[in-house]
Amino acid sequence: MASRFVISRDAAGAYRFRLVLGNGQTIAVSEAFTSRAACVNGIESVRRTAPEAALDDSEL
């Protein structure tokens, strides 16, 4: 199974998304969004920009 974005609501009622691998492991959790549309926009932003993301390793 491919990885997927899962949208849910937190205890405060805000929308969040998780990036979940095919094996069920969550590898990223978003900030809180006030609307579902804003949450979907956050997902689309990650989809567009992640391939270009640089690695900023503070250990170096």
Protein backbone atom coordinates (compact mmCIF):
# COMPACT_ATOMS: atom_id res chain seq x y z
CA MET A 1 0.00 0.00 0.00
CA ALA A 2 1.24 3.49 -0.82
CA SER A 3 1.72 6.22 1.74
CA ARG A 4 -1.23 8.52 2.34
CA PHE A 5 -2.29 11.76 3.99
CA VAL A 6 -4.92 11.34 6.71
CA ILE A 7 -7.01 14.33 7.84
CA SER A 8 -8.50 14.31 11.33
CA ARG A 9 -9.67 16.70 14.02
CA ASP A 10 -7.81 17.15 17.28
CA ALA A 11 -9.27 17.57 20.78
CA ALA A 12 -9.63 21.33 20.23
CA GLY A 13 -11.57 20.78 16.99
CA ALA A 14 -8.76 21.91 14.68
CA TYR A 15 -7.86 20.00 11.53
CA ARG A 16 -4.51 18.24 11.21
CA PHE A 17 -3.00 15.88 8.68
CA ARG A 18 -0.65 12.98 9.16
CA LEU A 19 1.60 11.43 6.53
CA VAL A 20 1.28 7.68 7.00
CA LEU A 21 3.44 5.04 5.32
CA GLY A 22 1.99 1.92 3.74
CA ASN A 23 2.91 -0.06 6.86
CA GLY A 24 0.81 2.27 9.05
CA GLN A 25 3.72 4.22 10.55
CA THR A 26 3.08 7.97 10.94
CA ILE A 27 6.13 9.92 9.79
CA ALA A 28 4.83 13.51 9.93
CA VAL A 29 2.07 15.46 11.68
CA SER A 30 0.98 18.93 10.62
CA GLU A 31 0.27 22.07 12.55
CA ALA A 32 -3.35 22.81 13.47
CA PHE A 33 -5.58 24.34 10.79
CA THR A 34 -8.85 26.19 11.45
CA SER A 35 -10.64 24.76 8.40
CA ARG A 36 -10.58 21.59 6.35
CA ALA A 37 -9.81 23.62 3.21
CA ALA A 38 -6.72 25.11 4.86
CA CYS A 39 -5.63 21.60 5.88
CA VAL A 40 -6.00 20.36 2.29
CA ASN A 41 -3.98 23.38 1.12
CA GLY A 42 -1.26 22.37 3.61
CA ILE A 43 -1.18 18.88 2.12
CA GLU A 44 -0.90 20.30 -1.40
CA SER A 45 1.94 22.55 -0.26
CA VAL A 46 3.87 19.56 1.08
CA ARG A 47 3.24 17.64 -2.14
CA ARG A 48 4.59 20.52 -4.25
CA THR A 49 7.63 21.49 -2.17
CA ALA A 50 8.91 18.31 -0.52
CA PRO A 51 10.88 17.04 -3.54
CA GLU A 52 12.87 20.29 -3.45
CA ALA A 53 13.34 20.45 0.33
CA ALA A 54 16.91 20.78 1.53
CA LEU A 55 18.30 18.93 4.53
CA ASP A 56 19.23 21.27 7.38
CA ASP A 57 21.12 19.08 9.85
CA SER A 58 21.90 20.93 13.08
CA GLU A 59 24.27 18.11 14.07
CA LEU A 60 26.82 19.13 11.44
